Amino acid sequence: MDFLRKLLAEGEKPHPLSRPASQPDADPVRNSQLLPEPITRRVLSITHNPVLRSKGGRTLKDHFRWNNPDLLAQSYIDDVRAASYGYANYKIVERIEVDTYPLKRDGFRYDEDSYLRAWAERRFHDPDGVDYLELVREFQMIEKVNSGAIDEVWLFGHPYGGYWESVMAGPGAFWCNAPALKGTEHCARRFIIMGFNFERGVGEMLEDLGHRAESILTKVFEGTRGDANLFERFTRYDKKYPGRAEVGNVHFAPNSLRDYDWGNPRVVPSRHHAWYQFPNFSGDPALVDCSEWGNGDIRLHHLWWFRHFPHLKGGSGGISHNWWEYVIDPNRV
């Protein structure tokens, strides 16, 4: 953490692809015999990165010096594997880079002149959202899911590309930080399309995954009430539940007073550490502040949050003790 603080002092923020520091908390127990068998999920990666003819043939990403999607993807893969205690292993099995801007849902599509003008004026097309069914058709997503070639899709693109952070498709799809994608019900199984902005870093990618997890785990526990709703209990933070904070949610750490307030030095009691002992968690709260989860760093906070997820074999009440199996595979919900 001293190294990280020094790094932050040298600039506005750490490089988004830098290796995260060791987590301030570590799972104290886990015998490998208690962990479920790792799974591998196959990914179709699609990058919209148009070539700018007026800028010497550089791509949009290179012109603006935005991040390399391949490096972002690998860092994200590594972080998810570590956060899930080795359970979730993503593998990009097909990578496509296209020299075009995605089609918006009203039929509009940027070209080189209109995008550069919009960026210079900070006035972007409305509605911003892409035509997801056109993306599904263009890249044969359903055919690839049905054949078993892929399990999910990652979209990488420029700012105001119009992607949802995540959206679920397929039969019985439900809210996943976006409305279920209608028109894909004929797919053989559910799959998720993630949307990543290569102007941003790995921390923002983990935020997308965090909101996906929140949506899915809310669905998993929708039939339970009170303390039996373990995800509701997991997400308690002091502002909403004074003196009863646990781990918090993606936007609110245990001591946060507002969205994204991960660097608050306020000291509050929290039972976050008890979740490392799940399912036999008990004990008194401990006083915590932002030094527990990275002093405001988005990537470190989200890794800290994910590391508290139950991640063991077994289950109770019809719900797995490994929450990652739901987050990674919506067909298990």
C-alpha atoms as a PDB file:
ATOM      1  CA  MET A   1       0.000   0.000   0.000  1.00  0.00           C
ATOM      2  CA  ASP A   2       2.943   2.358   0.629  1.00  0.00           C
ATOM      3  CA  PHE A   3       4.082   1.687  -2.936  1.00  0.00           C
ATOM      4  CA  LEU A   4       0.588   2.418  -4.245  1.00  0.00           C
ATOM      5  CA  ARG A   5       0.350   5.680  -2.283  1.00  0.00           C
ATOM      6  CA  LYS A   6       3.720   6.761  -3.700  1.00  0.00           C
ATOM      7  CA  LEU A   7       2.527   5.892  -7.194  1.00  0.00           C
ATOM      8  CA  LEU A   8      -0.650   7.929  -6.712  1.00  0.00           C
ATOM      9  CA  ALA A   9       1.355  10.873  -5.427  1.00  0.00           C
ATOM     10  CA  GLU A  10       3.317  10.985  -8.684  1.00  0.00           C
ATOM     11  CA  GLY A  11       0.301  11.546 -10.879  1.00  0.00           C
ATOM     12  CA  GLU A  12      -3.443  11.880 -11.046  1.00  0.00           C
ATOM     13  CA  LYS A  13      -4.047   8.121 -11.124  1.00  0.00           C
ATOM     14  CA  PRO A  14      -2.110   4.885 -11.642  1.00  0.00           C
ATOM     15  CA  HIS A  15      -1.821   3.454 -15.105  1.00  0.00           C
ATOM     16  CA  PRO A  16      -5.031   1.470 -15.706  1.00  0.00           C
ATOM     17  CA  LEU A  17      -3.093  -1.623 -16.772  1.00  0.00           C
ATOM     18  CA  SER A  18      -0.671  -1.641 -13.852  1.00  0.00           C
ATOM     19  CA  ARG A  19      -0.549  -4.695 -11.658  1.00  0.00           C
ATOM     20  CA  PRO A  20      -2.702  -4.160  -8.559  1.00  0.00           C
ATOM     21  CA  ALA A  21      -0.982  -4.215  -5.191  1.00  0.00           C
ATOM     22  CA  SER A  22      -1.491  -7.132  -2.831  1.00  0.00           C
ATOM     23  CA  GLN A  23      -4.884  -7.025  -1.208  1.00  0.00           C
ATOM     24  CA  PRO A  24      -5.008  -5.615   2.331  1.00  0.00           C
ATOM     25  CA  ASP A  25      -7.146  -8.557   3.398  1.00  0.00           C
ATOM     26  CA  ALA A  26      -6.489 -12.173   2.491  1.00  0.00           C
ATOM     27  CA  ASP A  27      -8.742 -15.172   2.830  1.00  0.00           C
ATOM     28  CA  PRO A  28      -7.208 -16.804   5.915  1.00  0.00           C
ATOM     29  CA  VAL A  29      -8.371 -20.331   5.524  1.00  0.00           C
ATOM     30  CA  ARG A  30      -9.075 -21.873   2.286  1.00  0.00           C
ATOM     31  CA  ASN A  31      -7.998 -25.445   1.910  1.00  0.00           C
ATOM     32  CA  SER A  32      -8.037 -26.316  -1.786  1.00  0.00           C
ATOM     33  CA  GLN A  33     -10.280 -29.290  -1.006  1.00  0.00           C
ATOM     34  CA  LEU A  34     -13.053 -26.860  -0.075  1.00  0.00           C
ATOM     35  CA  LEU A  35     -12.901 -25.019  -3.389  1.00  0.00           C
ATOM     36  CA  PRO A  36     -15.061 -25.989  -6.375  1.00  0.00           C
ATOM     37  CA  GLU A  37     -13.478 -27.198  -9.591  1.00  0.00           C
ATOM     38  CA  PRO A  38     -12.353 -24.274 -11.786  1.00  0.00           C
ATOM     39  CA  ILE A  39     -14.363 -23.519 -14.904  1.00  0.00           C
ATOM     40  CA  THR A  40     -13.321 -22.014 -18.229  1.00  0.00           C
ATOM     41  CA  ARG A  41     -15.598 -19.621 -20.117  1.00  0.00           C
ATOM     42  CA  ARG A  42     -15.024 -18.995 -23.810  1.00  0.00           C
ATOM     43  CA  VAL A  43     -15.252 -15.403 -24.981  1.00  0.00           C
ATOM     44  CA  LEU A  44     -15.902 -13.738 -28.320  1.00  0.00           C
ATOM     45  CA  SER A  45     -14.088 -10.369 -28.175  1.00  0.00           C
ATOM     46  CA  ILE A  46     -15.205  -7.649 -30.608  1.00  0.00           C
ATOM     47  CA  THR A  47     -13.447  -4.278 -30.842  1.00  0.00           C
ATOM     48  CA  HIS A  48     -14.846  -1.301 -32.749  1.00  0.00           C
ATOM     49  CA  ASN A  49     -11.698   0.672 -33.608  1.00  0.00           C
ATOM     50  CA  PRO A  50     -12.144   2.649 -36.837  1.00  0.00           C
ATOM     51  CA  VAL A  51      -9.223   3.801 -38.964  1.00  0.00           C
ATOM     52  CA  LEU A  52      -8.929   7.604 -39.305  1.00  0.00           C
ATOM     53  CA  ARG A  53      -7.944   8.384 -42.891  1.00  0.00           C
ATOM     54  CA  SER A  54      -7.578  12.091 -42.076  1.00  0.00           C
ATOM     55  CA  LYS A  55      -5.098  11.259 -39.310  1.00  0.00           C
ATOM     56  CA  GLY A  56      -2.544   9.325 -41.309  1.00  0.00           C
ATOM     57  CA  GLY A  57      -4.315   5.971 -41.084  1.00  0.00           C
ATOM     58  CA  ARG A  58      -4.079   5.720 -37.317  1.00  0.00           C
ATOM     59  CA  THR A  59      -6.898   3.989 -35.546  1.00  0.00           C
ATOM     60  CA  LEU A  60      -9.229   5.938 -33.282  1.00  0.00           C
ATOM     61  CA  LYS A  61      -7.661   4.259 -30.244  1.00  0.00           C
ATOM     62  CA  ASP A  62      -4.120   5.129 -31.314  1.00  0.00           C
ATOM     63  CA  HIS A  63      -5.010   8.690 -32.290  1.00  0.00           C
ATOM     64  CA  PHE A  64      -6.368   9.457 -28.823  1.00  0.00           C
ATOM     65  CA  ARG A  65      -3.787   7.241 -27.073  1.00  0.00           C
ATOM     66  CA  TRP A  66      -6.465   5.186 -25.419  1.00  0.00           C
ATOM     67  CA  ASN A  67      -5.779   1.793 -23.868  1.00  0.00           C
ATOM     68  CA  ASN A  68      -4.957  -1.426 -25.694  1.00  0.00           C
ATOM     69  CA  PRO A  69      -8.042  -3.694 -25.486  1.00  0.00           C
ATOM     70  CA  ASP A  70      -5.888  -6.843 -25.504  1.00  0.00           C
ATOM     71  CA  LEU A  71      -3.953  -5.666 -22.442  1.00  0.00           C
ATOM     72  CA  LEU A  72      -7.158  -4.574 -20.733  1.00  0.00           C
ATOM     73  CA  ALA A  73      -8.689  -7.990 -21.407  1.00  0.00           C
ATOM     74  CA  GLN A  74      -5.709  -9.897 -20.035  1.00  0.00           C
ATOM     75  CA  SER A  75      -5.556  -7.799 -16.871  1.00  0.00           C
ATOM     76  CA  TYR A  76      -9.288  -8.297 -16.369  1.00  0.00           C
ATOM     77  CA  ILE A  77      -8.959 -12.063 -16.900  1.00  0.00           C
ATOM     78  CA  ASP A  78      -6.172 -12.181 -14.320  1.00  0.00           C
ATOM     79  CA  ASP A  79      -8.145 -10.114 -11.810  1.00  0.00           C
ATOM     80  CA  VAL A  80     -11.303 -12.214 -12.124  1.00  0.00           C
ATOM     81  CA  ARG A  81      -9.307 -15.426 -11.693  1.00  0.00           C
ATOM     82  CA  ALA A  82      -7.642 -14.053  -8.558  1.00  0.00           C
ATOM     83  CA  ALA A  83     -10.825 -12.581  -7.098  1.00  0.00           C
ATOM     84  CA  SER A  84     -12.698 -15.884  -7.561  1.00  0.00           C
ATOM     85  CA  TYR A  85      -9.906 -17.933  -5.912  1.00  0.00           C
ATOM     86  CA  GLY A  86      -9.079 -19.584  -9.238  1.00  0.00           C
ATOM     87  CA  TYR A  87     -12.649 -20.604 -10.074  1.00  0.00           C
ATOM     88  CA  ALA A  88     -13.453 -18.306 -13.017  1.00  0.00           C
ATOM     89  CA  ASN A  89     -11.089 -18.611 -15.979  1.00  0.00           C
ATOM     90  CA  TYR A  90     -11.905 -16.646 -19.087  1.00  0.00           C
ATOM     91  CA  LYS A  91     -10.372 -17.513 -22.443  1.00  0.00           C
ATOM     92  CA  ILE A  92     -10.761 -15.380 -25.560  1.00  0.00           C
ATOM     93  CA  VAL A  93     -11.336 -17.933 -28.312  1.00  0.00           C
ATOM     94  CA  GLU A  94     -12.183 -15.477 -31.092  1.00  0.00           C
ATOM     95  CA  ARG A  95     -11.008 -11.881 -31.448  1.00  0.00           C
ATOM     96  CA  ILE A  96     -12.508  -9.544 -34.062  1.00  0.00           C
ATOM     97  CA  GLU A  97     -11.458  -5.925 -34.691  1.00  0.00           C
ATOM     98  CA  VAL A  98     -13.637  -3.926 -37.056  1.00  0.00           C
ATOM     99  CA  ASP A  99     -12.996  -0.683 -38.918  1.00  0.00           C
ATOM    100  CA  THR A 100     -16.404   0.815 -38.215  1.00  0.00           C
ATOM    101  CA  TYR A 101     -18.574   2.534 -35.642  1.00  0.00           C
ATOM    102  CA  PRO A 102     -21.449   0.540 -34.125  1.00  0.00           C
ATOM    103  CA  LEU A 103     -24.965   1.192 -35.413  1.00  0.00           C
ATOM    104  CA  LYS A 104     -27.202   3.116 -33.019  1.00  0.00           C
ATOM    105  CA  ARG A 105     -30.704   1.832 -32.254  1.00  0.00           C
ATOM    106  CA  ASP A 106     -32.313   4.661 -34.284  1.00  0.00           C
ATOM    107  CA  GLY A 107     -30.253   3.789 -37.379  1.00  0.00           C
ATOM    108  CA  PHE A 108     -27.553   6.449 -36.935  1.00  0.00           C
ATOM    109  CA  ARG A 109     -23.913   5.504 -37.374  1.00  0.00           C
ATOM    110  CA  TYR A 110     -20.932   7.830 -36.826  1.00  0.00           C
ATOM    111  CA  ASP A 111     -18.395   8.311 -39.568  1.00  0.00           C
ATOM    112  CA  GLU A 112     -14.924   9.766 -39.158  1.00  0.00           C
ATOM    113  CA  ASP A 113     -15.969  13.405 -39.529  1.00  0.00           C
ATOM    114  CA  SER A 114     -19.061  13.204 -37.326  1.00  0.00           C
ATOM    115  CA  TYR A 115     -17.293  11.381 -34.497  1.00  0.00           C
ATOM    116  CA  LEU A 116     -14.265  13.699 -34.422  1.00  0.00           C
ATOM    117  CA  ARG A 117     -16.604  16.700 -34.483  1.00  0.00           C
ATOM    118  CA  ALA A 118     -18.738  15.249 -31.687  1.00  0.00           C
ATOM    119  CA  TRP A 119     -15.621  14.604 -29.596  1.00  0.00           C
ATOM    120  CA  ALA A 120     -14.273  18.129 -30.154  1.00  0.00           C
ATOM    121  CA  GLU A 121     -17.612  19.737 -29.265  1.00  0.00           C
ATOM    122  CA  ARG A 122     -18.573  17.164 -26.589  1.00  0.00           C
ATOM    123  CA  ARG A 123     -21.978  16.900 -28.242  1.00  0.00           C
ATOM    124  CA  PHE A 124     -22.847  13.277 -28.988  1.00  0.00           C
ATOM    125  CA  HIS A 125     -25.702  11.623 -30.802  1.00  0.00           C
ATOM    126  CA  ASP A 126     -28.861  10.918 -28.809  1.00  0.00           C
ATOM    127  CA  PRO A 127     -30.005   8.186 -28.377  1.00  0.00           C
ATOM    128  CA  ASP A 128     -26.552   6.814 -27.646  1.00  0.00           C
ATOM    129  CA  GLY A 129     -27.500   3.126 -27.334  1.00  0.00           C
ATOM    130  CA  VAL A 130     -26.419   0.640 -30.005  1.00  0.00           C
ATOM    131  CA  ASP A 131     -28.660  -1.703 -31.978  1.00  0.00           C
ATOM    132  CA  TYR A 132     -27.889  -4.892 -30.077  1.00  0.00           C
ATOM    133  CA  LEU A 133     -29.892  -7.151 -32.355  1.00  0.00           C
ATOM    134  CA  GLU A 134     -27.816  -5.926 -35.286  1.00  0.00           C
ATOM    135  CA  LEU A 135     -24.638  -6.789 -33.361  1.00  0.00           C
ATOM    136  CA  VAL A 136     -26.059 -10.224 -32.522  1.00  0.00           C
ATOM    137  CA  ARG A 137     -26.847 -10.816 -36.198  1.00  0.00           C
ATOM    138  CA  GLU A 138     -23.639  -9.311 -37.622  1.00  0.00           C
ATOM    139  CA  PHE A 139     -21.332 -11.371 -35.436  1.00  0.00           C
ATOM    140  CA  GLN A 140     -23.467 -14.545 -35.382  1.00  0.00           C
ATOM    141  CA  MET A 141     -23.553 -14.570 -31.598  1.00  0.00           C
ATOM    142  CA  ILE A 142     -26.499 -16.927 -31.224  1.00  0.00           C
ATOM    143  CA  GLU A 143     -25.083 -19.412 -33.711  1.00  0.00           C
ATOM    144  CA  LYS A 144     -21.776 -19.416 -31.832  1.00  0.00           C
ATOM    145  CA  VAL A 145     -23.448 -19.849 -28.440  1.00  0.00           C
ATOM    146  CA  ASN A 146     -25.634 -22.667 -29.774  1.00  0.00           C
ATOM    147  CA  SER A 147     -22.651 -24.503 -31.225  1.00  0.00           C
ATOM    148  CA  GLY A 148     -20.762 -24.276 -27.933  1.00  0.00           C
ATOM    149  CA  ALA A 149     -18.016 -22.163 -29.493  1.00  0.00           C
ATOM    150  CA  ILE A 150     -18.528 -19.292 -27.026  1.00  0.00           C
ATOM    151  CA  ASP A 151     -20.182 -18.611 -23.671  1.00  0.00           C
ATOM    152  CA  GLU A 152     -20.242 -14.815 -23.615  1.00  0.00           C
ATOM    153  CA  VAL A 153     -19.281 -11.727 -25.617  1.00  0.00           C
ATOM    154  CA  TRP A 154     -17.040  -8.766 -24.766  1.00  0.00           C
ATOM    155  CA  LEU A 155     -17.446  -5.529 -26.721  1.00  0.00           C
ATOM    156  CA  PHE A 156     -14.603  -3.006 -26.648  1.00  0.00           C
ATOM    157  CA  GLY A 157     -15.113   0.450 -28.064  1.00  0.00           C
ATOM    158  CA  HIS A 158     -14.626   4.191 -27.889  1.00  0.00           C
ATOM    159  CA  PRO A 159     -16.387   6.651 -25.570  1.00  0.00           C
ATOM    160  CA  TYR A 160     -20.062   7.056 -26.493  1.00  0.00           C
ATOM    161  CA  GLY A 161     -19.996   3.786 -28.345  1.00  0.00           C
ATOM    162  CA  GLY A 162     -23.400   3.093 -26.833  1.00  0.00           C
ATOM    163  CA  TYR A 163     -22.821  -0.256 -25.104  1.00  0.00           C
ATOM    164  CA  TRP A 164     -24.548  -1.308 -21.924  1.00  0.00           C
ATOM    165  CA  GLU A 165     -22.081  -2.315 -19.199  1.00  0.00           C
ATOM    166  CA  SER A 166     -23.750  -5.715 -19.382  1.00  0.00           C
ATOM    167  CA  VAL A 167     -26.902  -7.143 -20.927  1.00  0.00           C
ATOM    168  CA  MET A 168     -28.313 -10.666 -20.819  1.00  0.00           C
ATOM    169  CA  ALA A 169     -29.689 -12.481 -23.878  1.00  0.00           C
ATOM    170  CA  GLY A 170     -31.342 -15.837 -24.478  1.00  0.00           C
ATOM    171  CA  PRO A 171     -34.330 -17.745 -23.055  1.00  0.00           C
ATOM    172  CA  GLY A 172     -35.458 -16.534 -19.651  1.00  0.00           C
ATOM    173  CA  ALA A 173     -32.991 -13.641 -19.683  1.00  0.00           C
ATOM    174  CA  PHE A 174     -33.540 -11.149 -16.856  1.00  0.00           C
ATOM    175  CA  TRP A 175     -32.313  -7.728 -15.782  1.00  0.00           C
ATOM    176  CA  CYS A 176     -28.503  -7.610 -15.782  1.00  0.00           C
ATOM    177  CA  ASN A 177     -27.794  -3.916 -15.248  1.00  0.00           C
ATOM    178  CA  ALA A 178     -29.889  -3.483 -18.401  1.00  0.00           C
ATOM    179  CA  PRO A 179     -33.232  -4.861 -19.632  1.00  0.00           C
ATOM    180  CA  ALA A 180     -33.201  -8.428 -20.966  1.00  0.00           C
ATOM    181  CA  LEU A 181     -32.411  -8.414 -24.690  1.00  0.00           C
ATOM    182  CA  LYS A 182     -35.682  -9.189 -26.429  1.00  0.00           C
ATOM    183  CA  GLY A 183     -35.485 -10.963 -29.764  1.00  0.00           C
ATOM    184  CA  THR A 184     -32.891 -13.478 -28.606  1.00  0.00           C
ATOM    185  CA  GLU A 185     -35.223 -15.955 -26.880  1.00  0.00           C
ATOM    186  CA  HIS A 186     -34.608 -18.579 -29.585  1.00  0.00           C
ATOM    187  CA  CYS A 187     -31.011 -19.053 -28.400  1.00  0.00           C
ATOM    188  CA  ALA A 188     -30.318 -22.424 -26.752  1.00  0.00           C
ATOM    189  CA  ARG A 189     -29.120 -20.818 -23.498  1.00  0.00           C
ATOM    190  CA  ARG A 190     -28.572 -17.505 -21.783  1.00  0.00           C
ATOM    191  CA  PHE A 191     -25.438 -15.490 -22.417  1.00  0.00           C
ATOM    192  CA  ILE A 192     -24.136 -12.077 -21.380  1.00  0.00           C
ATOM    193  CA  ILE A 193     -22.725  -9.328 -23.577  1.00  0.00           C
ATOM    194  CA  MET A 194     -20.289  -7.085 -21.698  1.00  0.00           C
ATOM    195  CA  GLY A 195     -19.528  -3.543 -22.884  1.00  0.00           C
ATOM    196  CA  PHE A 196     -16.105  -2.050 -22.159  1.00  0.00           C
ATOM    197  CA  ASN A 197     -14.741   1.395 -22.978  1.00  0.00           C
ATOM    198  CA  PHE A 198     -11.054   1.329 -23.912  1.00  0.00           C
ATOM    199  CA  GLU A 199     -10.639   4.945 -22.820  1.00  0.00           C
ATOM    200  CA  ARG A 200     -11.028   3.618 -19.254  1.00  0.00           C
ATOM    201  CA  GLY A 201      -9.130   1.074 -17.187  1.00  0.00           C
ATOM    202  CA  VAL A 202      -9.442  -2.341 -15.581  1.00  0.00           C
ATOM    203  CA  GLY A 203     -11.141  -0.858 -12.525  1.00  0.00           C
ATOM    204  CA  GLU A 204     -14.068   0.260 -14.649  1.00  0.00           C
ATOM    205  CA  MET A 205     -14.242  -3.203 -16.242  1.00  0.00           C
ATOM    206  CA  LEU A 206     -14.485  -4.698 -12.748  1.00  0.00           C
ATOM    207  CA  GLU A 207     -17.223  -2.168 -11.982  1.00  0.00           C
ATOM    208  CA  ASP A 208     -19.196  -3.518 -14.953  1.00  0.00           C
ATOM    209  CA  LEU A 209     -18.758  -7.031 -13.587  1.00  0.00           C
ATOM    210  CA  GLY A 210     -19.768  -5.815 -10.132  1.00  0.00           C
ATOM    211  CA  HIS A 211     -23.081  -4.454 -11.363  1.00  0.00           C
ATOM    212  CA  ARG A 212     -23.622  -7.677 -13.282  1.00  0.00           C
ATOM    213  CA  ALA A 213     -23.015  -9.569 -10.028  1.00  0.00           C
ATOM    214  CA  GLU A 214     -25.412  -7.315  -8.119  1.00  0.00           C
ATOM    215  CA  SER A 215     -28.173  -7.943 -10.668  1.00  0.00           C
ATOM    216  CA  ILE A 216     -27.656 -11.697 -10.775  1.00  0.00           C
ATOM    217  CA  LEU A 217     -27.337 -12.232  -7.015  1.00  0.00           C
ATOM    218  CA  THR A 218     -30.405 -10.083  -6.394  1.00  0.00           C
ATOM    219  CA  LYS A 219     -32.255 -12.493  -8.685  1.00  0.00           C
ATOM    220  CA  VAL A 220     -30.795 -15.533  -6.886  1.00  0.00           C
ATOM    221  CA  PHE A 221     -31.998 -14.283  -3.492  1.00  0.00           C
ATOM    222  CA  GLU A 222     -35.275 -12.686  -4.574  1.00  0.00           C
ATOM    223  CA  GLY A 223     -37.335 -15.307  -2.728  1.00  0.00           C
ATOM    224  CA  THR A 224     -35.663 -14.769   0.661  1.00  0.00           C
ATOM    225  CA  ARG A 225     -36.319 -12.135   3.308  1.00  0.00           C
ATOM    226  CA  GLY A 226     -34.472 -10.575   6.253  1.00  0.00           C
ATOM    227  CA  ASP A 227     -31.155 -12.065   7.344  1.00  0.00           C
ATOM    228  CA  ALA A 228     -31.894 -15.134   5.190  1.00  0.00           C
ATOM    229  CA  ASN A 229     -31.250 -12.899   2.193  1.00  0.00           C
ATOM    230  CA  LEU A 230     -27.497 -13.190   2.410  1.00  0.00           C
ATOM    231  CA  PHE A 231     -26.781 -10.898  -0.503  1.00  0.00           C
ATOM    232  CA  GLU A 232     -28.838  -8.095   1.009  1.00  0.00           C
ATOM    233  CA  ARG A 233     -26.920  -8.659   4.233  1.00  0.00           C
ATOM    234  CA  PHE A 234     -23.577  -8.740   2.372  1.00  0.00           C
ATOM    235  CA  THR A 235     -24.255  -5.322   0.790  1.00  0.00           C
ATOM    236  CA  ARG A 236     -25.096  -3.403   3.967  1.00  0.00           C
ATOM    237  CA  TYR A 237     -23.137  -0.204   4.569  1.00  0.00           C
ATOM    238  CA  ASP A 238     -23.084   2.161   7.511  1.00  0.00           C
ATOM    239  CA  LYS A 239     -24.943   5.105   5.983  1.00  0.00           C
ATOM    240  CA  LYS A 240     -28.003   2.958   5.277  1.00  0.00           C
ATOM    241  CA  TYR A 241     -27.581   0.528   8.214  1.00  0.00           C
ATOM    242  CA  PRO A 242     -25.858   2.523  11.004  1.00  0.00           C
ATOM    243  CA  GLY A 243     -23.575   0.313  13.056  1.00  0.00           C
ATOM    244  CA  ARG A 244     -24.459  -2.764  10.946  1.00  0.00           C
ATOM    245  CA  ALA A 245     -22.154  -2.471   7.934  1.00  0.00           C
ATOM    246  CA  GLU A 246     -20.886  -5.650   6.305  1.00  0.00           C
ATOM    247  CA  VAL A 247     -19.091  -5.502   2.898  1.00  0.00           C
ATOM    248  CA  GLY A 248     -21.158  -2.873   1.079  1.00  0.00           C
ATOM    249  CA  ASN A 249     -21.923  -2.763  -2.621  1.00  0.00           C
ATOM    250  CA  VAL A 250     -20.071  -1.736  -5.767  1.00  0.00           C
ATOM    251  CA  HIS A 251     -20.615   2.001  -5.226  1.00  0.00           C
ATOM    252  CA  PHE A 252     -20.655   2.099  -1.420  1.00  0.00           C
ATOM    253  CA  ALA A 253     -17.834   0.743   0.753  1.00  0.00           C
ATOM    254  CA  PRO A 254     -18.791   0.066   4.386  1.00  0.00           C
ATOM    255  CA  ASN A 255     -18.111   3.698   5.374  1.00  0.00           C
ATOM    256  CA  SER A 256     -19.112   5.546   2.185  1.00  0.00           C
ATOM    257  CA  LEU A 257     -21.425   8.553   2.358  1.00  0.00           C
ATOM    258  CA  ARG A 258     -22.103   8.829  -1.385  1.00  0.00           C
ATOM    259  CA  ASP A 259     -21.624   6.927  -4.648  1.00  0.00           C
ATOM    260  CA  TYR A 260     -17.991   6.094  -5.523  1.00  0.00           C
ATOM    261  CA  ASP A 261     -16.826   7.293  -2.090  1.00  0.00           C
ATOM    262  CA  TRP A 262     -14.173   4.560  -1.748  1.00  0.00           C
ATOM    263  CA  GLY A 263     -11.539   6.888  -0.269  1.00  0.00           C
ATOM    264  CA  ASN A 264     -13.452   8.081   2.786  1.00  0.00           C
ATOM    265  CA  PRO A 265     -11.241   7.993   5.932  1.00  0.00           C
ATOM    266  CA  ARG A 266     -14.280   7.826   8.244  1.00  0.00           C
ATOM    267  CA  VAL A 267     -14.029   4.955  10.742  1.00  0.00           C
ATOM    268  CA  VAL A 268     -17.077   2.676  11.141  1.00  0.00           C
ATOM    269  CA  PRO A 269     -17.752  -0.790  12.567  1.00  0.00           C
ATOM    270  CA  SER A 270     -18.059  -3.498   9.903  1.00  0.00           C
ATOM    271  CA  ARG A 271     -18.367  -7.277   9.764  1.00  0.00           C
ATOM    272  CA  HIS A 272     -16.735  -7.572   6.340  1.00  0.00           C
ATOM    273  CA  HIS A 273     -14.022  -9.889   7.695  1.00  0.00           C
ATOM    274  CA  ALA A 274     -16.631 -12.443   8.801  1.00  0.00           C
ATOM    275  CA  TRP A 275     -17.449 -13.260   5.178  1.00  0.00           C
ATOM    276  CA  TYR A 276     -14.045 -14.872   4.797  1.00  0.00           C
ATOM    277  CA  GLN A 277     -15.309 -17.586   7.179  1.00  0.00           C
ATOM    278  CA  PHE A 278     -18.519 -18.292   5.227  1.00  0.00           C
ATOM    279  CA  PRO A 279     -20.711 -20.271   5.808  1.00  0.00           C
ATOM    280  CA  ASN A 280     -19.720 -20.346   9.481  1.00  0.00           C
ATOM    281  CA  PHE A 281     -19.293 -16.632   9.880  1.00  0.00           C
ATOM    282  CA  SER A 282     -19.774 -14.896  13.196  1.00  0.00           C
ATOM    283  CA  GLY A 283     -17.944 -12.477  15.423  1.00  0.00           C
ATOM    284  CA  ASP A 284     -18.022  -8.880  16.474  1.00  0.00           C
ATOM    285  CA  PRO A 285     -17.618  -5.939  14.106  1.00  0.00           C
ATOM    286  CA  ALA A 286     -14.194  -4.384  13.650  1.00  0.00           C
ATOM    287  CA  LEU A 287     -13.445  -0.710  13.060  1.00  0.00           C
ATOM    288  CA  VAL A 288     -12.453  -0.023   9.446  1.00  0.00           C
ATOM    289  CA  ASP A 289     -11.654   2.848   7.111  1.00  0.00           C
ATOM    290  CA  CYS A 290     -10.657   3.165   3.468  1.00  0.00           C
ATOM    291  CA  SER A 291      -7.175   1.745   4.066  1.00  0.00           C
ATOM    292  CA  GLU A 292      -8.868  -1.695   4.123  1.00  0.00           C
ATOM    293  CA  TRP A 293      -9.767  -1.500   0.423  1.00  0.00           C
ATOM    294  CA  GLY A 294      -7.141   0.654  -1.256  1.00  0.00           C
ATOM    295  CA  ASN A 295      -7.676   4.271  -0.136  1.00  0.00           C
ATOM    296  CA  GLY A 296     -10.028   5.166  -2.960  1.00  0.00           C
ATOM    297  CA  ASP A 297      -8.515   3.180  -5.836  1.00  0.00           C
ATOM    298  CA  ILE A 298     -11.389   1.776  -7.917  1.00  0.00           C
ATOM    299  CA  ARG A 299      -9.616  -1.411  -8.949  1.00  0.00           C
ATOM    300  CA  LEU A 300      -8.404  -2.272  -5.456  1.00  0.00           C
ATOM    301  CA  HIS A 301     -11.812  -1.633  -3.911  1.00  0.00           C
ATOM    302  CA  HIS A 302     -13.581  -3.866  -6.412  1.00  0.00           C
ATOM    303  CA  LEU A 303     -11.061  -6.689  -5.993  1.00  0.00           C
ATOM    304  CA  TRP A 304     -11.468  -6.401  -2.212  1.00  0.00           C
ATOM    305  CA  TRP A 305     -15.264  -6.542  -2.601  1.00  0.00           C
ATOM    306  CA  PHE A 306     -15.183  -9.608  -4.875  1.00  0.00           C
ATOM    307  CA  ARG A 307     -12.749 -11.462  -2.598  1.00  0.00           C
ATOM    308  CA  HIS A 308     -15.451 -11.516   0.089  1.00  0.00           C
ATOM    309  CA  PHE A 309     -17.901 -13.503  -2.074  1.00  0.00           C
ATOM    310  CA  PRO A 310     -18.692 -17.001  -0.764  1.00  0.00           C
ATOM    311  CA  HIS A 311     -16.704 -19.340  -3.012  1.00  0.00           C
ATOM    312  CA  LEU A 312     -16.865 -22.868  -1.579  1.00  0.00           C
ATOM    313  CA  LYS A 313     -18.356 -26.241  -2.448  1.00  0.00           C
ATOM    314  CA  GLY A 314     -21.814 -27.086  -1.116  1.00  0.00           C
ATOM    315  CA  GLY A 315     -24.942 -25.092  -0.542  1.00  0.00           C
ATOM    316  CA  SER A 316     -27.925 -24.481   1.704  1.00  0.00           C
ATOM    317  CA  GLY A 317     -31.548 -23.585   1.131  1.00  0.00           C
ATOM    318  CA  GLY A 318     -31.179 -24.439  -2.553  1.00  0.00           C
ATOM    319  CA  ILE A 319     -28.474 -21.782  -3.046  1.00  0.00           C
ATOM    320  CA  SER A 320     -24.837 -22.553  -3.778  1.00  0.00           C
ATOM    321  CA  HIS A 321     -22.066 -21.574  -1.377  1.00  0.00           C
ATOM    322  CA  ASN A 322     -20.159 -20.453  -4.473  1.00  0.00           C
ATOM    323  CA  TRP A 323     -21.741 -17.221  -5.657  1.00  0.00           C
ATOM    324  CA  TRP A 324     -19.321 -17.052  -8.581  1.00  0.00           C
ATOM    325  CA  GLU A 325     -21.098 -19.887 -10.363  1.00  0.00           C
ATOM    326  CA  TYR A 326     -24.148 -17.632 -10.790  1.00  0.00           C
ATOM    327  CA  VAL A 327     -22.192 -14.510 -11.693  1.00  0.00           C
ATOM    328  CA  ILE A 328     -20.174 -16.294 -14.370  1.00  0.00           C
ATOM    329  CA  ASP A 329     -22.931 -18.559 -15.748  1.00  0.00           C
ATOM    330  CA  PRO A 330     -26.460 -17.071 -15.719  1.00  0.00           C
ATOM    331  CA  ASN A 331     -27.875 -20.435 -16.799  1.00  0.00           C
ATOM    332  CA  ARG A 332     -27.334 -21.664 -13.208  1.00  0.00           C
ATOM    333  CA  VAL A 333     -29.777 -19.121 -11.808  1.00  0.00           C
END
